[in-house]
Amino acid sequence: MAANPSKLKVGDLVRFVSPASTPEKDAVLRRAALLESWGLTVDFGRHVFDKHAYLAGTDEQRLADLNGAIRDPRVRAIFATRGGKGSYRIADRLDVRAIDKDPKFIVGFSDITILHLSACRHSGLIGIHGALVTDDAGQFDIANCEALRDALMSPGYATIHASPDEPTSALSTRGTASGRLIGGNLDMVATAAGWALPDLDGALLLLEATGMHLGQVDRQLTMLRKAGHLDGLAGIALGQFTGFDLERNFTIIDLLRDHLAGVGVPVLGGLPLGHGSRPLAVPIGAMAVLAAGAGTLSFPP
């Protein structure tokens, strides 16, 4: 059973925490000001701007901020300041009882994927895969902002349409499938396998990746396949795979096709989700319908 957080309303308190790497302070404050323009109240975890090597504080400090926000009844949504590295170090220590008692959105992607996975595995929590991003001119992207605001504050969830401009659109097949949408960043899905990854039987698996070598992707997908984690999937949703050379003889698209064709389920590529330009927001852990032929990922009431 999914733990479905209530949508936000004007006046609600949201809190920024840093479960992974240290963010740029000015960028966080700009995002906080935008959220306040939506009518939300914003505060910050005690260690949100701390620095400990490549982490935003020690494991205990980052976990204290995260669990503190989970336990605080005033906080109605939790925003990760950024991804980076480190969420995987604390993902097994979420306060599951507090999540069950008072489910609230955790908002983030990339390294934050493993928090979504762990919360979904243990509590069925629906999270928001997304973040506020800026365009090349340093301005907030309108489509990105509207998608996140709708995901947090409007009834239901918007349909995501595949884009033919995304390279993974070449991998779309035919067919329709339904199930809980689970996943996000491939690196974190693979890291979670065996301890934080939810049961994927009957699920729609979302995958996106950035900044990896083909060999890394190959190893991760090989492990997921051979360990049986892809057995029983209902469908596969592919987001943005960025930072890969598409001019070589064997590309990331060829590698994904090599691994996923044998799974034998509908595949929908080209979704604007991940580290690429103008990424949208999507509910992780929610029931979804993947229509590969129509190019849509929708979320029935």
C-alpha atoms as a PDB file:
ATOM      1  CA  MET A   1       0.000   0.000   0.000  1.00  0.00           C
ATOM      2  CA  ALA A   2       1.379   3.403  -0.977  1.00  0.00           C
ATOM      3  CA  ALA A   3       1.851   6.101   1.648  1.00  0.00           C
ATOM      4  CA  ASN A   4       0.382   9.031  -0.243  1.00  0.00           C
ATOM      5  CA  PRO A   5       1.390  12.406   1.231  1.00  0.00           C
ATOM      6  CA  SER A   6      -1.122  15.236   1.213  1.00  0.00           C
ATOM      7  CA  LYS A   7      -0.594  17.917  -1.400  1.00  0.00           C
ATOM      8  CA  LEU A   8       0.832  21.200  -0.158  1.00  0.00           C
ATOM      9  CA  LYS A   9      -1.257  24.299   0.390  1.00  0.00           C
ATOM     10  CA  VAL A  10      -0.411  27.962   0.806  1.00  0.00           C
ATOM     11  CA  GLY A  11       1.206  28.588   4.182  1.00  0.00           C
ATOM     12  CA  ASP A  12       2.654  25.078   4.562  1.00  0.00           C
ATOM     13  CA  LEU A  13       6.192  24.745   5.909  1.00  0.00           C
ATOM     14  CA  VAL A  14       8.823  23.015   3.766  1.00  0.00           C
ATOM     15  CA  ARG A  15      12.389  22.361   4.867  1.00  0.00           C
ATOM     16  CA  PHE A  16      15.663  22.138   2.962  1.00  0.00           C
ATOM     17  CA  VAL A  17      18.076  19.452   4.124  1.00  0.00           C
ATOM     18  CA  SER A  18      21.335  18.154   2.640  1.00  0.00           C
ATOM     19  CA  PRO A  19      21.465  14.337   2.793  1.00  0.00           C
ATOM     20  CA  ALA A  20      24.320  14.178   0.273  1.00  0.00           C
ATOM     21  CA  SER A  21      26.876  16.793  -0.820  1.00  0.00           C
ATOM     22  CA  THR A  22      27.235  20.429   0.230  1.00  0.00           C
ATOM     23  CA  PRO A  23      25.163  22.793  -1.921  1.00  0.00           C
ATOM     24  CA  GLU A  24      25.965  26.265  -3.183  1.00  0.00           C
ATOM     25  CA  LYS A  25      24.305  28.553  -0.646  1.00  0.00           C
ATOM     26  CA  ASP A  26      23.160  31.249  -3.077  1.00  0.00           C
ATOM     27  CA  ALA A  27      21.483  28.672  -5.314  1.00  0.00           C
ATOM     28  CA  VAL A  28      19.565  27.204  -2.362  1.00  0.00           C
ATOM     29  CA  LEU A  29      18.448  30.627  -1.183  1.00  0.00           C
ATOM     30  CA  ARG A  30      17.180  31.439  -4.696  1.00  0.00           C
ATOM     31  CA  ARG A  31      15.140  28.226  -4.739  1.00  0.00           C
ATOM     32  CA  ALA A  32      13.811  29.005  -1.273  1.00  0.00           C
ATOM     33  CA  ALA A  33      12.675  32.449  -2.466  1.00  0.00           C
ATOM     34  CA  LEU A  34      10.873  30.857  -5.404  1.00  0.00           C
ATOM     35  CA  LEU A  35       9.041  28.448  -3.092  1.00  0.00           C
ATOM     36  CA  GLU A  36       8.056  31.374  -0.895  1.00  0.00           C
ATOM     37  CA  SER A  37       6.611  33.102  -3.974  1.00  0.00           C
ATOM     38  CA  TRP A  38       4.308  30.072  -4.257  1.00  0.00           C
ATOM     39  CA  GLY A  39       2.975  30.908  -0.795  1.00  0.00           C
ATOM     40  CA  LEU A  40       5.021  28.287   1.066  1.00  0.00           C
ATOM     41  CA  THR A  41       7.047  28.885   4.231  1.00  0.00           C
ATOM     42  CA  VAL A  42      10.657  27.724   4.059  1.00  0.00           C
ATOM     43  CA  ASP A  43      13.233  26.844   6.705  1.00  0.00           C
ATOM     44  CA  PHE A  44      16.532  24.953   6.765  1.00  0.00           C
ATOM     45  CA  GLY A  45      18.082  22.016   8.548  1.00  0.00           C
ATOM     46  CA  ARG A  46      20.821  22.866  11.050  1.00  0.00           C
ATOM     47  CA  HIS A  47      23.573  21.284   8.943  1.00  0.00           C
ATOM     48  CA  VAL A  48      22.293  22.185   5.484  1.00  0.00           C
ATOM     49  CA  PHE A  49      25.444  24.107   4.489  1.00  0.00           C
ATOM     50  CA  ASP A  50      28.009  22.099   6.473  1.00  0.00           C
ATOM     51  CA  LYS A  51      31.002  20.532   4.752  1.00  0.00           C
ATOM     52  CA  HIS A  52      32.758  17.296   5.681  1.00  0.00           C
ATOM     53  CA  ALA A  53      35.005  16.160   2.820  1.00  0.00           C
ATOM     54  CA  TYR A  54      32.576  15.742  -0.112  1.00  0.00           C
ATOM     55  CA  LEU A  55      29.569  15.491   2.218  1.00  0.00           C
ATOM     56  CA  ALA A  56      27.301  18.098   3.828  1.00  0.00           C
ATOM     57  CA  GLY A  57      28.361  17.138   7.325  1.00  0.00           C
ATOM     58  CA  THR A  58      28.962  13.782   8.963  1.00  0.00           C
ATOM     59  CA  ASP A  59      26.550  10.901   8.469  1.00  0.00           C
ATOM     60  CA  GLU A  60      25.063  11.600  11.894  1.00  0.00           C
ATOM     61  CA  GLN A  61      24.562  15.288  11.135  1.00  0.00           C
ATOM     62  CA  ARG A  62      22.942  14.716   7.739  1.00  0.00           C
ATOM     63  CA  LEU A  63      20.737  11.958   9.134  1.00  0.00           C
ATOM     64  CA  ALA A  64      19.709  14.133  12.092  1.00  0.00           C
ATOM     65  CA  ASP A  65      18.506  16.867   9.740  1.00  0.00           C
ATOM     66  CA  LEU A  66      16.651  14.411   7.510  1.00  0.00           C
ATOM     67  CA  ASN A  67      14.963  12.457  10.293  1.00  0.00           C
ATOM     68  CA  GLY A  68      14.285  15.694  12.149  1.00  0.00           C
ATOM     69  CA  ALA A  69      12.285  16.939   9.165  1.00  0.00           C
ATOM     70  CA  ILE A  70      10.519  13.580   8.840  1.00  0.00           C
ATOM     71  CA  ARG A  71       9.501  13.710  12.526  1.00  0.00           C
ATOM     72  CA  ASP A  72       8.520  17.389  12.678  1.00  0.00           C
ATOM     73  CA  PRO A  73       4.721  17.620  12.254  1.00  0.00           C
ATOM     74  CA  ARG A  74       5.025  21.226  11.088  1.00  0.00           C
ATOM     75  CA  VAL A  75       7.085  20.238   8.040  1.00  0.00           C
ATOM     76  CA  ARG A  76       4.878  19.204   5.115  1.00  0.00           C
ATOM     77  CA  ALA A  77       7.569  18.498   2.508  1.00  0.00           C
ATOM     78  CA  ILE A  78      11.320  17.928   2.557  1.00  0.00           C
ATOM     79  CA  PHE A  79      13.537  19.357  -0.186  1.00  0.00           C
ATOM     80  CA  ALA A  80      17.014  17.979  -0.780  1.00  0.00           C
ATOM     81  CA  THR A  81      19.337  20.885  -1.560  1.00  0.00           C
ATOM     82  CA  ARG A  82      21.210  18.776  -4.126  1.00  0.00           C
ATOM     83  CA  GLY A  83      22.403  15.274  -4.925  1.00  0.00           C
ATOM     84  CA  GLY A  84      26.065  14.484  -5.315  1.00  0.00           C
ATOM     85  CA  LYS A  85      27.239  11.733  -2.974  1.00  0.00           C
ATOM     86  CA  GLY A  86      26.305  10.387   0.422  1.00  0.00           C
ATOM     87  CA  SER A  87      22.566   9.684   0.640  1.00  0.00           C
ATOM     88  CA  TYR A  88      23.331   5.984   0.233  1.00  0.00           C
ATOM     89  CA  ARG A  89      25.321   6.084   3.483  1.00  0.00           C
ATOM     90  CA  ILE A  90      22.220   6.900   5.546  1.00  0.00           C
ATOM     91  CA  ALA A  91      19.332   5.505   3.480  1.00  0.00           C
ATOM     92  CA  ASP A  92      18.935   2.451   5.733  1.00  0.00           C
ATOM     93  CA  ARG A  93      18.380   4.637   8.812  1.00  0.00           C
ATOM     94  CA  LEU A  94      15.275   6.578   7.840  1.00  0.00           C
ATOM     95  CA  ASP A  95      12.710   6.849  10.637  1.00  0.00           C
ATOM     96  CA  VAL A  96      10.208   4.473   9.071  1.00  0.00           C
ATOM     97  CA  ARG A  97       7.726   4.733  11.941  1.00  0.00           C
ATOM     98  CA  ALA A  98       7.607   8.506  11.578  1.00  0.00           C
ATOM     99  CA  ILE A  99       7.076   8.162   7.814  1.00  0.00           C
ATOM    100  CA  ASP A 100       4.219   5.737   8.393  1.00  0.00           C
ATOM    101  CA  LYS A 101       2.650   8.062  10.960  1.00  0.00           C
ATOM    102  CA  ASP A 102       2.988  11.249   8.926  1.00  0.00           C
ATOM    103  CA  PRO A 103       3.889  10.706   5.248  1.00  0.00           C
ATOM    104  CA  LYS A 104       5.278  13.778   3.508  1.00  0.00           C
ATOM    105  CA  PHE A 105       6.974  14.335   0.172  1.00  0.00           C
ATOM    106  CA  ILE A 106      10.726  14.002  -0.112  1.00  0.00           C
ATOM    107  CA  VAL A 107      11.774  16.020  -3.159  1.00  0.00           C
ATOM    108  CA  GLY A 108      14.975  15.339  -5.079  1.00  0.00           C
ATOM    109  CA  PHE A 109      16.646  13.150  -7.662  1.00  0.00           C
ATOM    110  CA  SER A 110      20.107  11.835  -8.629  1.00  0.00           C
ATOM    111  CA  ASP A 111      21.759  10.625  -5.376  1.00  0.00           C
ATOM    112  CA  ILE A 112      18.439  11.284  -3.583  1.00  0.00           C
ATOM    113  CA  THR A 113      16.966   8.379  -5.580  1.00  0.00           C
ATOM    114  CA  ILE A 114      18.192   5.969  -2.926  1.00  0.00           C
ATOM    115  CA  LEU A 115      16.150   7.772  -0.267  1.00  0.00           C
ATOM    116  CA  HIS A 116      13.062   7.409  -2.463  1.00  0.00           C
ATOM    117  CA  LEU A 117      13.835   3.717  -2.925  1.00  0.00           C
ATOM    118  CA  SER A 118      14.393   3.006   0.767  1.00  0.00           C
ATOM    119  CA  ALA A 119      11.301   4.951   1.845  1.00  0.00           C
ATOM    120  CA  CYS A 120       9.241   3.159  -0.796  1.00  0.00           C
ATOM    121  CA  ARG A 121      10.594  -0.253   0.200  1.00  0.00           C
ATOM    122  CA  HIS A 122       9.879   0.165   3.899  1.00  0.00           C
ATOM    123  CA  SER A 123       6.830   2.464   3.944  1.00  0.00           C
ATOM    124  CA  GLY A 124       5.466   2.632   0.409  1.00  0.00           C
ATOM    125  CA  LEU A 125       6.126   6.380   0.491  1.00  0.00           C
ATOM    126  CA  ILE A 126       5.446   8.339  -2.676  1.00  0.00           C
ATOM    127  CA  GLY A 127       8.226  10.861  -3.325  1.00  0.00           C
ATOM    128  CA  ILE A 128       8.881  13.470  -5.992  1.00  0.00           C
ATOM    129  CA  HIS A 129      11.700  12.758  -8.460  1.00  0.00           C
ATOM    130  CA  GLY A 130      12.652  16.279  -9.475  1.00  0.00           C
ATOM    131  CA  ALA A 131      14.152  19.603  -8.430  1.00  0.00           C
ATOM    132  CA  LEU A 132      14.104  23.276  -9.320  1.00  0.00           C
ATOM    133  CA  VAL A 133      16.639  23.869 -12.085  1.00  0.00           C
ATOM    134  CA  THR A 134      17.865  26.896 -14.023  1.00  0.00           C
ATOM    135  CA  ASP A 135      18.362  27.318 -17.752  1.00  0.00           C
ATOM    136  CA  ASP A 136      21.558  28.255 -19.576  1.00  0.00           C
ATOM    137  CA  ALA A 137      20.993  31.904 -18.684  1.00  0.00           C
ATOM    138  CA  GLY A 138      20.752  31.107 -14.986  1.00  0.00           C
ATOM    139  CA  GLN A 139      17.005  31.696 -14.856  1.00  0.00           C
ATOM    140  CA  PHE A 140      14.508  29.219 -13.481  1.00  0.00           C
ATOM    141  CA  ASP A 141      13.062  27.100 -16.278  1.00  0.00           C
ATOM    142  CA  ILE A 142       9.328  27.779 -16.507  1.00  0.00           C
ATOM    143  CA  ALA A 143       8.295  24.273 -17.556  1.00  0.00           C
ATOM    144  CA  ASN A 144      10.415  22.706 -14.825  1.00  0.00           C
ATOM    145  CA  CYS A 145       9.007  25.015 -12.147  1.00  0.00           C
ATOM    146  CA  GLU A 146       5.406  24.518 -13.209  1.00  0.00           C
ATOM    147  CA  ALA A 147       5.831  20.738 -13.263  1.00  0.00           C
ATOM    148  CA  LEU A 148       7.220  20.668  -9.740  1.00  0.00           C
ATOM    149  CA  ARG A 149       4.616  23.066  -8.420  1.00  0.00           C
ATOM    150  CA  ASP A 150       1.822  20.990  -9.944  1.00  0.00           C
ATOM    151  CA  ALA A 151       3.278  17.770  -8.516  1.00  0.00           C
ATOM    152  CA  LEU A 152       3.337  19.304  -5.042  1.00  0.00           C
ATOM    153  CA  MET A 153       0.286  21.548  -4.970  1.00  0.00           C
ATOM    154  CA  SER A 154      -2.250  20.551  -7.663  1.00  0.00           C
ATOM    155  CA  PRO A 155      -4.685  17.623  -7.529  1.00  0.00           C
ATOM    156  CA  GLY A 156      -3.377  14.422  -9.090  1.00  0.00           C
ATOM    157  CA  TYR A 157      -0.248  14.182 -11.211  1.00  0.00           C
ATOM    158  CA  ALA A 158       0.323  15.439 -14.743  1.00  0.00           C
ATOM    159  CA  THR A 159       0.939  13.094 -17.662  1.00  0.00           C
ATOM    160  CA  ILE A 160       4.556  13.030 -18.827  1.00  0.00           C
ATOM    161  CA  HIS A 161       5.006  13.053 -22.609  1.00  0.00           C
ATOM    162  CA  ALA A 162       8.065  11.529 -24.250  1.00  0.00           C
ATOM    163  CA  SER A 163      10.179  13.845 -26.379  1.00  0.00           C
ATOM    164  CA  PRO A 164      11.591  12.723 -29.752  1.00  0.00           C
ATOM    165  CA  ASP A 165      14.579  14.975 -29.032  1.00  0.00           C
ATOM    166  CA  GLU A 166      15.721  12.749 -26.177  1.00  0.00           C
ATOM    167  CA  PRO A 167      18.101  10.028 -27.469  1.00  0.00           C
ATOM    168  CA  THR A 168      16.382   7.280 -25.463  1.00  0.00           C
ATOM    169  CA  SER A 169      13.218   7.841 -27.522  1.00  0.00           C
ATOM    170  CA  ALA A 170      14.832   5.502 -30.074  1.00  0.00           C
ATOM    171  CA  LEU A 171      14.287   2.646 -27.618  1.00  0.00           C
ATOM    172  CA  SER A 172      10.499   2.990 -27.339  1.00  0.00           C
ATOM    173  CA  THR A 173       8.536  -0.101 -28.280  1.00  0.00           C
ATOM    174  CA  ARG A 174       4.812  -0.743 -28.373  1.00  0.00           C
ATOM    175  CA  GLY A 175       2.402  -1.865 -25.727  1.00  0.00           C
ATOM    176  CA  THR A 176       0.865  -0.636 -22.506  1.00  0.00           C
ATOM    177  CA  ALA A 177       1.708  -1.558 -18.934  1.00  0.00           C
ATOM    178  CA  SER A 178       0.671  -0.413 -15.486  1.00  0.00           C
ATOM    179  CA  GLY A 179       2.252  -0.650 -12.071  1.00  0.00           C
ATOM    180  CA  ARG A 180       4.000   1.391  -9.417  1.00  0.00           C
ATOM    181  CA  LEU A 181       6.665   3.672 -10.861  1.00  0.00           C
ATOM    182  CA  ILE A 182       9.906   2.857  -9.044  1.00  0.00           C
ATOM    183  CA  GLY A 183      13.471   3.915  -9.737  1.00  0.00           C
ATOM    184  CA  GLY A 184      15.300   7.012 -10.872  1.00  0.00           C
ATOM    185  CA  ASN A 185      19.067   7.300 -11.131  1.00  0.00           C
ATOM    186  CA  LEU A 186      20.564   4.033 -12.411  1.00  0.00           C
ATOM    187  CA  ASP A 187      23.654   4.324 -10.232  1.00  0.00           C
ATOM    188  CA  MET A 188      21.465   4.495  -7.121  1.00  0.00           C
ATOM    189  CA  VAL A 189      19.120   1.718  -8.291  1.00  0.00           C
ATOM    190  CA  ALA A 190      22.139  -0.558  -8.648  1.00  0.00           C
ATOM    191  CA  THR A 191      23.599   0.598  -5.313  1.00  0.00           C
ATOM    192  CA  ALA A 192      20.282  -0.140  -3.582  1.00  0.00           C
ATOM    193  CA  ALA A 193      19.990  -3.700  -4.904  1.00  0.00           C
ATOM    194  CA  GLY A 194      19.793  -6.200  -2.082  1.00  0.00           C
ATOM    195  CA  TRP A 195      19.115  -3.776   0.771  1.00  0.00           C
ATOM    196  CA  ALA A 196      17.157  -0.641  -0.231  1.00  0.00           C
ATOM    197  CA  LEU A 197      15.623  -1.565  -3.575  1.00  0.00           C
ATOM    198  CA  PRO A 198      11.870  -2.310  -3.394  1.00  0.00           C
ATOM    199  CA  ASP A 199      10.419  -5.451  -4.934  1.00  0.00           C
ATOM    200  CA  LEU A 200      10.120  -4.659  -8.646  1.00  0.00           C
ATOM    201  CA  ASP A 201       7.661  -7.449  -9.462  1.00  0.00           C
ATOM    202  CA  GLY A 202       4.834  -5.815 -11.429  1.00  0.00           C
ATOM    203  CA  ALA A 203       6.525  -2.401 -11.320  1.00  0.00           C
ATOM    204  CA  LEU A 204       7.407   0.161 -13.962  1.00  0.00           C
ATOM    205  CA  LEU A 205      11.157   0.752 -13.633  1.00  0.00           C
ATOM    206  CA  LEU A 206      12.353   4.313 -14.278  1.00  0.00           C
ATOM    207  CA  LEU A 207      16.008   4.717 -15.226  1.00  0.00           C
ATOM    208  CA  GLU A 208      18.151   7.786 -15.980  1.00  0.00           C
ATOM    209  CA  ALA A 209      21.894   8.355 -15.764  1.00  0.00           C
ATOM    210  CA  THR A 210      24.591  10.935 -16.252  1.00  0.00           C
ATOM    211  CA  GLY A 211      28.355  11.223 -16.399  1.00  0.00           C
ATOM    212  CA  MET A 212      29.253   7.530 -16.453  1.00  0.00           C
ATOM    213  CA  HIS A 213      31.374   5.410 -18.742  1.00  0.00           C
ATOM    214  CA  LEU A 214      29.630   2.776 -20.845  1.00  0.00           C
ATOM    215  CA  GLY A 215      31.411   0.085 -18.853  1.00  0.00           C
ATOM    216  CA  GLN A 216      29.878   1.332 -15.627  1.00  0.00           C
ATOM    217  CA  VAL A 217      26.371   1.216 -17.087  1.00  0.00           C
ATOM    218  CA  ASP A 218      27.116  -2.208 -18.526  1.00  0.00           C
ATOM    219  CA  ARG A 219      28.192  -3.551 -15.132  1.00  0.00           C
ATOM    220  CA  GLN A 220      25.195  -2.105 -13.336  1.00  0.00           C
ATOM    221  CA  LEU A 221      22.628  -3.425 -15.802  1.00  0.00           C
ATOM    222  CA  THR A 222      24.375  -6.803 -15.897  1.00  0.00           C
ATOM    223  CA  MET A 223      24.147  -7.062 -12.117  1.00  0.00           C
ATOM    224  CA  LEU A 224      20.480  -6.075 -12.060  1.00  0.00           C
ATOM    225  CA  ARG A 225      19.624  -8.619 -14.767  1.00  0.00           C
ATOM    226  CA  LYS A 226      21.670 -11.529 -13.462  1.00  0.00           C
ATOM    227  CA  ALA A 227      20.530 -10.981  -9.871  1.00  0.00           C
ATOM    228  CA  GLY A 228      16.923 -11.241 -11.057  1.00  0.00           C
ATOM    229  CA  HIS A 229      15.890  -7.701 -10.179  1.00  0.00           C
ATOM    230  CA  LEU A 230      14.439  -7.143 -13.659  1.00  0.00           C
ATOM    231  CA  ASP A 231      12.391 -10.357 -13.598  1.00  0.00           C
ATOM    232  CA  GLY A 232       8.676  -9.658 -13.349  1.00  0.00           C
ATOM    233  CA  LEU A 233       8.815  -6.023 -14.431  1.00  0.00           C
ATOM    234  CA  ALA A 234       5.648  -4.705 -16.063  1.00  0.00           C
ATOM    235  CA  GLY A 235       7.449  -2.056 -18.111  1.00  0.00           C
ATOM    236  CA  ILE A 236      10.511   0.170 -18.374  1.00  0.00           C
ATOM    237  CA  ALA A 237      10.526   3.979 -18.511  1.00  0.00           C
ATOM    238  CA  LEU A 238      13.730   5.605 -19.746  1.00  0.00           C
ATOM    239  CA  GLY A 239      14.592   9.190 -18.926  1.00  0.00           C
ATOM    240  CA  GLN A 240      17.603  11.270 -19.852  1.00  0.00           C
ATOM    241  CA  PHE A 241      20.990   9.620 -20.308  1.00  0.00           C
ATOM    242  CA  THR A 242      23.379  12.565 -20.475  1.00  0.00           C
ATOM    243  CA  GLY A 243      27.124  12.953 -20.869  1.00  0.00           C
ATOM    244  CA  PHE A 244      27.494   9.971 -23.190  1.00  0.00           C
ATOM    245  CA  ASP A 245      29.218  10.050 -26.588  1.00  0.00           C
ATOM    246  CA  LEU A 246      26.543   9.384 -29.202  1.00  0.00           C
ATOM    247  CA  GLU A 247      28.985   9.474 -32.130  1.00  0.00           C
ATOM    248  CA  ARG A 248      30.919   6.310 -31.346  1.00  0.00           C
ATOM    249  CA  ASN A 249      30.325   2.955 -33.035  1.00  0.00           C
ATOM    250  CA  PHE A 250      28.642   1.517 -29.939  1.00  0.00           C
ATOM    251  CA  THR A 251      26.637   4.085 -27.958  1.00  0.00           C
ATOM    252  CA  ILE A 252      24.673   4.205 -24.727  1.00  0.00           C
ATOM    253  CA  ILE A 253      21.548   3.590 -26.822  1.00  0.00           C
ATOM    254  CA  ASP A 254      23.068   0.384 -28.225  1.00  0.00           C
ATOM    255  CA  LEU A 255      24.049  -0.720 -24.727  1.00  0.00           C
ATOM    256  CA  LEU A 256      20.594  -0.080 -23.277  1.00  0.00           C
ATOM    257  CA  ARG A 257      18.973  -1.932 -26.171  1.00  0.00           C
ATOM    258  CA  ASP A 258      21.348  -4.866 -25.654  1.00  0.00           C
ATOM    259  CA  HIS A 259      20.318  -5.218 -22.002  1.00  0.00           C
ATOM    260  CA  LEU A 260      16.640  -4.294 -22.081  1.00  0.00           C
ATOM    261  CA  ALA A 261      15.397  -5.950 -25.271  1.00  0.00           C
ATOM    262  CA  GLY A 262      15.466  -9.352 -23.605  1.00  0.00           C
ATOM    263  CA  VAL A 263      13.348  -8.253 -20.646  1.00  0.00           C
ATOM    264  CA  GLY A 264      10.298  -8.587 -22.892  1.00  0.00           C
ATOM    265  CA  VAL A 265       8.163  -5.722 -21.570  1.00  0.00           C
ATOM    266  CA  PRO A 266       6.976  -2.417 -23.071  1.00  0.00           C
ATOM    267  CA  VAL A 267       9.688   0.232 -23.068  1.00  0.00           C
ATOM    268  CA  LEU A 268       8.976   3.959 -23.177  1.00  0.00           C
ATOM    269  CA  GLY A 269      12.022   6.125 -23.877  1.00  0.00           C
ATOM    270  CA  GLY A 270      12.456   9.827 -24.371  1.00  0.00           C
ATOM    271  CA  LEU A 271      11.024  10.932 -21.033  1.00  0.00           C
ATOM    272  CA  PRO A 272      12.253  14.385 -19.911  1.00  0.00           C
ATOM    273  CA  LEU A 273      13.314  13.115 -16.492  1.00  0.00           C
ATOM    274  CA  GLY A 274      16.836  13.258 -15.112  1.00  0.00           C
ATOM    275  CA  HIS A 275      19.933  15.404 -15.558  1.00  0.00           C
ATOM    276  CA  GLY A 276      19.181  16.805 -19.019  1.00  0.00           C
ATOM    277  CA  SER A 277      17.633  20.080 -20.090  1.00  0.00           C
ATOM    278  CA  ARG A 278      14.218  21.089 -18.734  1.00  0.00           C
ATOM    279  CA  PRO A 279      13.615  17.972 -16.602  1.00  0.00           C
ATOM    280  CA  LEU A 280      10.124  17.548 -15.204  1.00  0.00           C
ATOM    281  CA  ALA A 281       8.892  16.149 -11.886  1.00  0.00           C
ATOM    282  CA  VAL A 282       7.308  12.743 -11.433  1.00  0.00           C
ATOM    283  CA  PRO A 283       5.884  10.856  -8.424  1.00  0.00           C
ATOM    284  CA  ILE A 284       8.046   7.885  -7.476  1.00  0.00           C
ATOM    285  CA  GLY A 285       6.088   5.048  -5.885  1.00  0.00           C
ATOM    286  CA  ALA A 286       2.750   6.064  -7.427  1.00  0.00           C
ATOM    287  CA  MET A 287       0.631   3.875  -9.678  1.00  0.00           C
ATOM    288  CA  ALA A 288       1.240   4.744 -13.321  1.00  0.00           C
ATOM    289  CA  VAL A 289       0.265   3.696 -16.829  1.00  0.00           C
ATOM    290  CA  LEU A 290       2.986   3.464 -19.454  1.00  0.00           C
ATOM    291  CA  ALA A 291       1.727   3.703 -23.034  1.00  0.00           C
ATOM    292  CA  ALA A 292       4.780   3.110 -25.203  1.00  0.00           C
ATOM    293  CA  GLY A 293       3.014   3.630 -28.516  1.00  0.00           C
ATOM    294  CA  ALA A 294       1.368   6.856 -27.410  1.00  0.00           C
ATOM    295  CA  GLY A 295       4.536   8.091 -25.709  1.00  0.00           C
ATOM    296  CA  THR A 296       2.907   8.858 -22.373  1.00  0.00           C
ATOM    297  CA  LEU A 297       3.418   8.082 -18.712  1.00  0.00           C
ATOM    298  CA  SER A 298       0.218   8.887 -16.841  1.00  0.00           C
ATOM    299  CA  PHE A 299      -0.994   8.632 -13.266  1.00  0.00           C
ATOM    300  CA  PRO A 300      -4.640   7.623 -12.801  1.00  0.00           C
ATOM    301  CA  PRO A 301      -6.482   9.025  -9.760  1.00  0.00           C
END
